[in-house]
């Protein structure tokens, strides 16, 4: 399948082949390149569905949807909640409509899985008018990942979906925790924006508003300046002063770099605290699932988090925890543990494809059956 990477330079790779540079870095340019590759292989007519990941669905979208003019209008309505992402997502939809006219398109929202949260889980302790008039509330993110991983966990842990309690830790440069009760999200660590919750690569996570107000008064920084600080200059990067990349920090950890060690310890402390806190939203805790780039690949982070969670009855199986992620889905807690811990690689693309297949009512290939 084609993969588009957009950084300072953009490349197109097909089926793991040599990346070729893209002349245009826009969504339209990327999709044109994909359409050209399909045409070269006489595959244009075989495109039956197009799935789009949409960052924010607000409170309008509680599930994935076939894209219509009304759906596009509603995505545009909620786009001020995620201006950096949703408008780009809309560009992708519009470009796909032009390049693949008549093909059914499906929108899969990163927030929709969390629309099952109760008001006490999503409301802020702010004046009611901000919620009622401005929609200020917790929405949560990484929903597509949390949904996929929790579904796989029911199979791996042999749990009934309608009688289960899981905490999923999606750990990457962006990171979040989700409490999943009976297959539904009942709590999550990210809020109205992805800033809330865990400390991340460059995001601060939870921070006292009063602390930032004091910083503003002492440094004369604007709200925009401080927003940049907590989103782009904080987290692992901010504490370590070295990097937001955990691979760099793990190397520095083993070399005795004190601030890298402190950054990792703080990261781990926040993860463990949020996992334990999210367990309170469940009737019982059957399993803790690690996923995302860090959750799947860092045996160090998993070990440190599990050590913190001994209070919940978590015990580590060192051999299983140290195995390469190429081993795929696996249990990393000991047989005697009261709570099972597992690693399940996420697959948001497959979840999007499955939703598109379901809504588009087409026959699935063996890969997606």
Protein backbone atom coordinates (compact mmCIF):
# COMPACT_ATOMS: atom_id res chain seq x y z
CA UNK A 1 0.00 0.00 0.00
CA UNK A 2 1.26 3.54 -0.68
CA UNK A 3 2.71 5.50 2.22
CA UNK A 4 3.05 9.27 2.18
CA UNK A 5 5.52 10.92 4.53
CA UNK A 6 5.26 14.68 4.93
CA UNK A 7 8.14 16.51 6.55
CA UNK A 8 10.44 19.18 5.16
CA UNK A 9 10.66 16.84 2.20
CA UNK A 10 7.86 14.51 1.12
CA UNK A 11 8.28 11.05 -0.36
CA UNK A 12 6.08 8.31 -1.79
CA UNK A 13 6.87 4.65 -1.16
CA UNK A 14 4.87 1.78 -2.70
CA UNK A 15 4.91 -1.66 -1.06
CA UNK A 16 8.09 -0.87 0.85
CA UNK A 17 9.95 0.23 -2.28
CA UNK A 18 12.52 2.98 -2.59
CA UNK A 19 10.98 6.32 -1.48
CA UNK A 20 10.57 8.74 -4.38
CA UNK A 21 10.49 12.50 -3.68
CA UNK A 22 7.20 14.30 -4.27
CA UNK A 23 7.25 17.51 -6.26
CA UNK A 24 4.30 18.96 -4.33
CA UNK A 25 3.95 18.66 -0.55
CA UNK A 26 0.22 19.37 -0.41
CA UNK A 27 -2.49 16.77 0.22
CA UNK A 28 -3.56 17.24 -3.39
CA UNK A 29 -0.01 16.62 -4.59
CA UNK A 30 0.33 13.48 -2.47
CA UNK A 31 -3.00 12.06 -3.62
CA UNK A 32 -2.18 12.87 -7.24
CA UNK A 33 1.02 10.88 -6.86
CA UNK A 34 -0.92 7.94 -5.42
CA UNK A 35 -3.49 8.15 -8.23
CA UNK A 36 -0.65 8.15 -10.77
CA UNK A 37 0.89 5.03 -9.21
CA UNK A 38 -2.48 3.28 -9.28
CA UNK A 39 -3.00 4.28 -12.91
CA UNK A 40 0.43 2.90 -13.87
CA UNK A 41 -0.66 -0.44 -12.44
CA UNK A 42 -4.15 -0.28 -14.00
CA UNK A 43 -5.66 -0.24 -10.52
CA UNK A 44 -7.64 3.01 -10.61
CA UNK A 45 -10.90 1.22 -11.34
CA UNK A 46 -10.33 -1.15 -8.42
CA UNK A 47 -10.55 1.63 -5.81
CA UNK A 48 -13.83 0.89 -4.04
CA UNK A 49 -13.48 2.94 -0.86
CA UNK A 50 -11.36 5.71 0.62
CA UNK A 51 -10.99 6.04 4.39
CA UNK A 52 -9.96 9.28 6.07
CA UNK A 53 -8.73 9.78 9.60
CA UNK A 54 -10.32 12.97 10.97
CA UNK A 55 -8.73 14.42 14.09
CA UNK A 56 -11.78 15.97 15.76
CA UNK A 57 -15.45 15.14 15.46
CA UNK A 58 -16.59 17.28 18.38
CA UNK A 59 -19.76 16.02 20.03
CA UNK A 60 -21.46 15.69 16.63
CA UNK A 61 -19.81 12.47 15.47
CA UNK A 62 -20.20 9.47 17.75
CA UNK A 63 -19.09 6.97 15.10
CA UNK A 64 -17.54 6.79 11.65
CA UNK A 65 -19.62 8.13 8.76
CA UNK A 66 -19.93 7.96 5.00
CA UNK A 67 -18.82 11.34 3.71
CA UNK A 68 -21.64 13.49 2.33
CA UNK A 69 -22.02 17.23 1.90
CA UNK A 70 -23.69 17.35 5.33
CA UNK A 71 -20.82 15.43 6.94
CA UNK A 72 -18.30 17.79 5.33
CA UNK A 73 -20.25 20.79 6.64
CA UNK A 74 -20.28 19.32 10.14
CA UNK A 75 -16.55 18.56 10.03
CA UNK A 76 -16.02 22.18 9.05
CA UNK A 77 -18.25 23.30 11.97
CA UNK A 78 -16.08 21.52 14.54
CA UNK A 79 -12.76 22.35 12.85
CA UNK A 80 -12.03 25.35 15.12
CA UNK A 81 -11.53 22.73 17.87
CA UNK A 82 -8.56 21.31 15.92
CA UNK A 83 -7.59 23.90 13.31
CA UNK A 84 -4.15 22.46 12.58
CA UNK A 85 -5.59 19.06 11.72
CA UNK A 86 -9.21 19.20 10.59
CA UNK A 87 -8.75 21.74 7.81
CA UNK A 88 -5.93 19.60 6.43
CA UNK A 89 -8.21 16.56 6.70
CA UNK A 90 -10.85 18.44 4.71
CA UNK A 91 -8.26 19.20 2.02
CA UNK A 92 -7.60 15.48 1.77
CA UNK A 93 -11.30 14.75 1.35
CA UNK A 94 -11.74 17.41 -1.33
CA UNK A 95 -8.67 16.22 -3.24
CA UNK A 96 -9.85 12.61 -3.10
CA UNK A 97 -13.27 13.62 -4.41
CA UNK A 98 -11.65 15.28 -7.41
CA UNK A 99 -9.23 12.44 -8.14
CA UNK A 100 -11.60 9.55 -7.45
CA UNK A 101 -15.08 10.84 -8.38
CA UNK A 102 -17.90 8.53 -7.43
CA UNK A 103 -15.84 6.49 -4.96
CA UNK A 104 -17.43 6.18 -1.51
CA UNK A 105 -15.40 7.93 1.17
CA UNK A 106 -15.59 7.28 4.91
CA UNK A 107 -14.57 9.57 7.78
CA UNK A 108 -13.17 7.91 10.92
CA UNK A 109 -12.94 10.31 13.85
CA UNK A 110 -10.16 10.18 16.43
CA UNK A 111 -12.58 11.46 19.08
CA UNK A 112 -15.69 9.37 18.41
CA UNK A 113 -14.70 6.34 20.53
CA UNK A 114 -14.73 8.57 23.60
CA UNK A 115 -18.27 9.86 23.03
CA UNK A 116 -19.49 7.10 25.36
CA UNK A 117 -17.94 8.91 28.35
CA UNK A 118 -20.42 10.11 30.97
CA UNK A 119 -20.72 13.85 31.71
CA UNK A 120 -18.84 13.45 34.99
CA UNK A 121 -15.90 12.12 32.98
CA UNK A 122 -15.87 14.77 30.26
CA UNK A 123 -16.89 17.99 32.01
CA UNK A 124 -14.41 20.52 33.37
CA UNK A 125 -15.06 22.27 36.68
CA UNK A 126 -15.70 25.56 34.88
CA UNK A 127 -18.76 27.82 34.62
CA UNK A 128 -21.52 25.95 32.77
CA UNK A 129 -21.77 28.63 30.08
CA UNK A 130 -18.37 27.65 28.64
CA UNK A 131 -19.63 24.14 27.99
CA UNK A 132 -23.09 25.19 26.84
CA UNK A 133 -22.03 28.09 24.61
CA UNK A 134 -18.52 27.14 23.51
CA UNK A 135 -18.43 23.35 23.76
CA UNK A 136 -15.58 23.40 26.27
CA UNK A 137 -15.30 19.80 27.50
CA UNK A 138 -12.99 16.81 27.33
CA UNK A 139 -13.15 14.97 23.99
CA UNK A 140 -10.14 12.64 24.07
CA UNK A 141 -7.99 11.45 21.17
CA UNK A 142 -6.22 8.33 19.86
CA UNK A 143 -9.71 6.80 19.79
CA UNK A 144 -9.07 4.72 16.67
CA UNK A 145 -6.01 3.18 18.31
CA UNK A 146 -7.72 2.60 21.67
CA UNK A 147 -10.68 0.97 19.91
CA UNK A 148 -8.53 -1.36 17.81
CA UNK A 149 -6.28 -2.38 20.70
CA UNK A 150 -9.12 -2.97 23.16
CA UNK A 151 -10.88 -5.19 20.61
CA UNK A 152 -7.70 -7.23 20.11
CA UNK A 153 -7.21 -7.42 23.90
CA UNK A 154 -10.53 -9.18 24.38
CA UNK A 155 -9.27 -11.94 22.10
CA UNK A 156 -5.74 -12.14 23.54
CA UNK A 157 -6.90 -12.13 27.17
CA UNK A 158 -9.95 -14.32 26.46
CA UNK A 159 -12.37 -11.72 27.81
CA UNK A 160 -16.03 -11.20 27.00
CA UNK A 161 -16.37 -7.77 25.40
CA UNK A 162 -19.56 -7.06 27.37
CA UNK A 163 -17.95 -7.99 30.71
CA UNK A 164 -14.43 -6.60 30.86
CA UNK A 165 -12.27 -3.82 32.23
CA UNK A 166 -9.13 -2.63 30.45
CA UNK A 167 -6.73 0.28 30.66
CA UNK A 168 -4.98 0.98 27.35
CA UNK A 169 -1.76 3.01 27.32
CA UNK A 170 -1.07 4.45 23.86
CA UNK A 171 2.51 5.66 24.28
CA UNK A 172 4.28 7.51 21.51
CA UNK A 173 5.48 11.06 20.92
CA UNK A 174 1.83 11.77 21.68
CA UNK A 175 0.48 9.63 24.51
CA UNK A 176 -2.81 8.92 26.22
CA UNK A 177 -4.53 6.50 28.58
CA UNK A 178 -8.04 5.11 28.07
CA UNK A 179 -10.28 3.16 30.44
CA UNK A 180 -12.41 0.72 28.43
CA UNK A 181 -15.34 -0.90 30.22
CA UNK A 182 -17.34 -3.54 28.37
CA UNK A 183 -15.84 -2.40 25.07
CA UNK A 184 -16.65 1.29 25.56
CA UNK A 185 -14.44 4.22 26.48
CA UNK A 186 -15.44 5.53 29.91
CA UNK A 187 -12.46 7.78 30.61
CA UNK A 188 -9.35 9.06 28.87
CA UNK A 189 -6.42 11.29 29.72
CA UNK A 190 -6.48 13.76 26.82
CA UNK A 191 -9.00 16.56 27.04
CA UNK A 192 -10.40 19.24 24.77
CA UNK A 193 -7.02 19.18 23.03
CA UNK A 194 -4.25 16.55 22.98
CA UNK A 195 -2.28 18.64 25.50
CA UNK A 196 -4.02 17.35 28.62
CA UNK A 197 -2.94 14.23 30.47
CA UNK A 198 0.40 12.49 30.18
CA UNK A 199 3.72 14.20 29.68
CA UNK A 200 4.74 13.54 26.07
CA UNK A 201 7.57 14.14 23.64
CA UNK A 202 7.18 17.92 23.52
CA UNK A 203 3.85 18.43 25.35
CA UNK A 204 3.76 19.21 29.05
CA UNK A 205 0.62 17.23 29.81
CA UNK A 206 -1.25 18.25 32.98
CA UNK A 207 0.06 21.56 34.29
CA UNK A 208 -1.33 24.01 36.84
CA UNK A 209 -2.87 26.97 34.99
CA UNK A 210 -1.72 29.13 37.90
CA UNK A 211 1.88 28.11 37.22
CA UNK A 212 1.61 29.28 33.61
CA UNK A 213 -0.11 32.50 34.70
CA UNK A 214 2.83 33.16 37.03
CA UNK A 215 5.33 32.41 34.23
CA UNK A 216 3.48 34.89 32.01
CA UNK A 217 3.66 37.58 34.67
CA UNK A 218 7.38 37.03 35.19
CA UNK A 219 8.43 36.73 31.53
CA UNK A 220 5.89 38.95 29.71
CA UNK A 221 5.14 36.08 27.34
CA UNK A 222 1.81 36.12 25.51
CA UNK A 223 -0.82 33.38 25.58
CA UNK A 224 0.41 32.30 22.14
CA UNK A 225 3.99 32.13 23.42
CA UNK A 226 2.98 29.94 26.35
CA UNK A 227 0.84 27.73 24.13
CA UNK A 228 3.93 27.10 22.01
CA UNK A 229 5.97 26.35 25.14
CA UNK A 230 3.58 23.72 26.53
CA UNK A 231 2.98 22.10 23.13
CA UNK A 232 6.38 22.29 21.43
CA UNK A 233 9.09 22.90 24.04
CA UNK A 234 8.05 20.83 27.05
CA UNK A 235 7.68 17.16 27.98
CA UNK A 236 10.65 14.85 27.49
CA UNK A 237 12.42 17.56 25.48
CA UNK A 238 11.80 20.25 28.07
CA UNK A 239 13.07 18.29 31.06
CA UNK A 240 15.97 16.52 29.37
CA UNK A 241 17.14 19.50 27.31
CA UNK A 242 18.33 16.83 24.92
CA UNK A 243 15.60 15.36 22.71
CA UNK A 244 11.94 14.45 22.46
CA UNK A 245 12.94 11.09 20.95
CA UNK A 246 12.81 8.37 23.60
CA UNK A 247 15.40 6.31 21.73
CA UNK A 248 17.91 9.11 22.24
CA UNK A 249 16.92 9.47 25.88
CA UNK A 250 17.17 5.74 26.59
CA UNK A 251 20.72 5.75 25.24
CA UNK A 252 21.48 8.75 27.45
CA UNK A 253 19.79 6.97 30.40
CA UNK A 254 22.26 4.11 30.14
CA UNK A 255 25.13 6.60 29.80
CA UNK A 256 24.15 8.27 33.09
CA UNK A 257 22.74 11.54 31.68
CA UNK A 258 20.94 12.87 34.78
CA UNK A 259 18.33 15.04 33.07
CA UNK A 260 17.53 12.32 30.54
CA UNK A 261 17.02 9.95 33.47
CA UNK A 262 14.82 12.51 35.23
CA UNK A 263 12.75 13.04 32.07
CA UNK A 264 12.14 9.30 31.75
CA UNK A 265 11.33 8.92 35.44
CA UNK A 266 8.82 11.78 35.23
CA UNK A 267 7.29 10.31 32.06
CA UNK A 268 6.92 6.92 33.76
CA UNK A 269 5.49 8.40 36.97
CA UNK A 270 2.77 10.22 35.04
CA UNK A 271 1.90 7.09 33.03
CA UNK A 272 1.62 4.91 36.13
CA UNK A 273 -0.42 7.52 38.00
CA UNK A 274 -2.87 7.89 35.12
CA UNK A 275 -3.20 4.13 34.65
CA UNK A 276 -4.02 3.68 38.33
CA UNK A 277 -6.43 6.63 38.24
CA UNK A 278 -8.21 5.37 35.14
CA UNK A 279 -8.69 1.98 36.79
CA UNK A 280 -11.08 3.77 39.16
CA UNK A 281 -13.46 4.23 36.22
CA UNK A 282 -13.77 0.45 35.81
CA UNK A 283 -15.81 -2.05 37.81
CA UNK A 284 -12.73 -4.27 37.80
CA UNK A 285 -9.33 -4.25 36.13
CA UNK A 286 -8.68 -7.27 33.90
CA UNK A 287 -5.72 -5.99 31.94
CA UNK A 288 -3.32 -3.16 31.14
CA UNK A 289 -2.35 -2.91 27.47
CA UNK A 290 0.73 -1.15 26.08
CA UNK A 291 0.64 0.12 22.50
CA UNK A 292 2.03 2.92 20.31
CA UNK A 293 5.65 3.38 19.23
CA UNK A 294 6.99 3.56 22.80
CA UNK A 295 4.51 1.16 24.36
CA UNK A 296 5.29 -1.50 21.76
CA UNK A 297 9.05 -1.06 21.50
CA UNK A 298 10.45 0.17 24.82
CA UNK A 299 10.98 -2.68 27.28
CA UNK A 300 12.53 -0.12 29.66
CA UNK A 301 9.42 2.05 29.85
CA UNK A 302 7.13 -0.97 30.23
CA UNK A 303 9.32 -2.38 33.02
CA UNK A 304 9.46 0.91 34.93
CA UNK A 305 5.70 1.46 34.60
CA UNK A 306 4.89 -2.07 35.73
CA UNK A 307 7.21 -1.71 38.72
CA UNK A 308 5.28 1.42 39.71
CA UNK A 309 2.01 -0.53 39.46
CA UNK A 310 2.92 -3.29 41.90
CA UNK A 311 0.24 -1.79 44.16
CA UNK A 312 -2.36 -3.08 41.66
CA UNK A 313 -0.92 -6.59 41.68
CA UNK A 314 1.18 -6.17 38.54
CA UNK A 315 4.17 -8.50 38.21
CA UNK A 316 6.53 -8.49 35.25
CA UNK A 317 7.69 -11.45 33.14
CA UNK A 318 11.16 -10.14 32.30
CA UNK A 319 11.80 -12.58 29.45
CA UNK A 320 8.54 -11.79 27.66
CA UNK A 321 8.93 -8.05 28.27
CA UNK A 322 12.41 -8.04 26.76
CA UNK A 323 11.33 -9.76 23.55
CA UNK A 324 11.41 -7.77 20.31
CA UNK A 325 8.21 -6.16 19.09
CA UNK A 326 8.49 -8.44 16.05
CA UNK A 327 6.98 -11.06 18.39
CA UNK A 328 3.71 -9.14 18.08
CA UNK A 329 0.89 -9.50 20.58
CA UNK A 330 2.05 -11.01 23.86
CA UNK A 331 1.47 -11.07 27.59
CA UNK A 332 4.37 -9.50 29.53
CA UNK A 333 3.16 -10.05 33.09
CA UNK A 334 3.94 -13.12 35.17
CA UNK A 335 1.53 -16.03 35.59
CA UNK A 336 1.01 -15.04 39.23
CA UNK A 337 0.05 -11.43 38.50
CA UNK A 338 -3.40 -10.31 39.66
CA UNK A 339 -3.61 -7.99 36.65
CA UNK A 340 -2.51 -9.10 33.18
CA UNK A 341 -0.22 -6.75 31.23
CA UNK A 342 0.14 -7.17 27.47
CA UNK A 343 1.68 -5.59 24.39
CA UNK A 344 -0.61 -5.22 21.38
CA UNK A 345 0.71 -3.36 18.30
CA UNK A 346 -1.85 -0.82 17.17
CA UNK A 347 -3.17 -0.71 13.62
CA UNK A 348 -5.21 2.43 13.06
CA UNK A 349 -5.07 1.99 9.28
CA UNK A 350 -6.73 -1.43 9.56
CA UNK A 351 -9.41 0.01 11.87
CA UNK A 352 -10.12 2.75 9.31
CA UNK A 353 -10.26 0.14 6.53
CA UNK A 354 -12.64 -2.06 8.54
CA UNK A 355 -14.95 0.88 9.21
CA UNK A 356 -14.89 1.82 5.53
CA UNK A 357 -15.67 -1.77 4.51
CA UNK A 358 -18.52 -1.97 7.01
CA UNK A 359 -20.11 1.34 6.04
CA UNK A 360 -19.40 0.96 2.33
CA UNK A 361 -20.87 -2.55 2.31
CA UNK A 362 -18.17 -4.07 0.14
CA UNK A 363 -16.67 -7.54 0.39
CA UNK A 364 -13.51 -7.60 2.51
CA UNK A 365 -10.31 -9.21 1.29
CA UNK A 366 -8.92 -12.07 3.38
CA UNK A 367 -6.56 -9.59 5.08
CA UNK A 368 -9.46 -7.62 6.53
CA UNK A 369 -12.01 -10.37 7.02
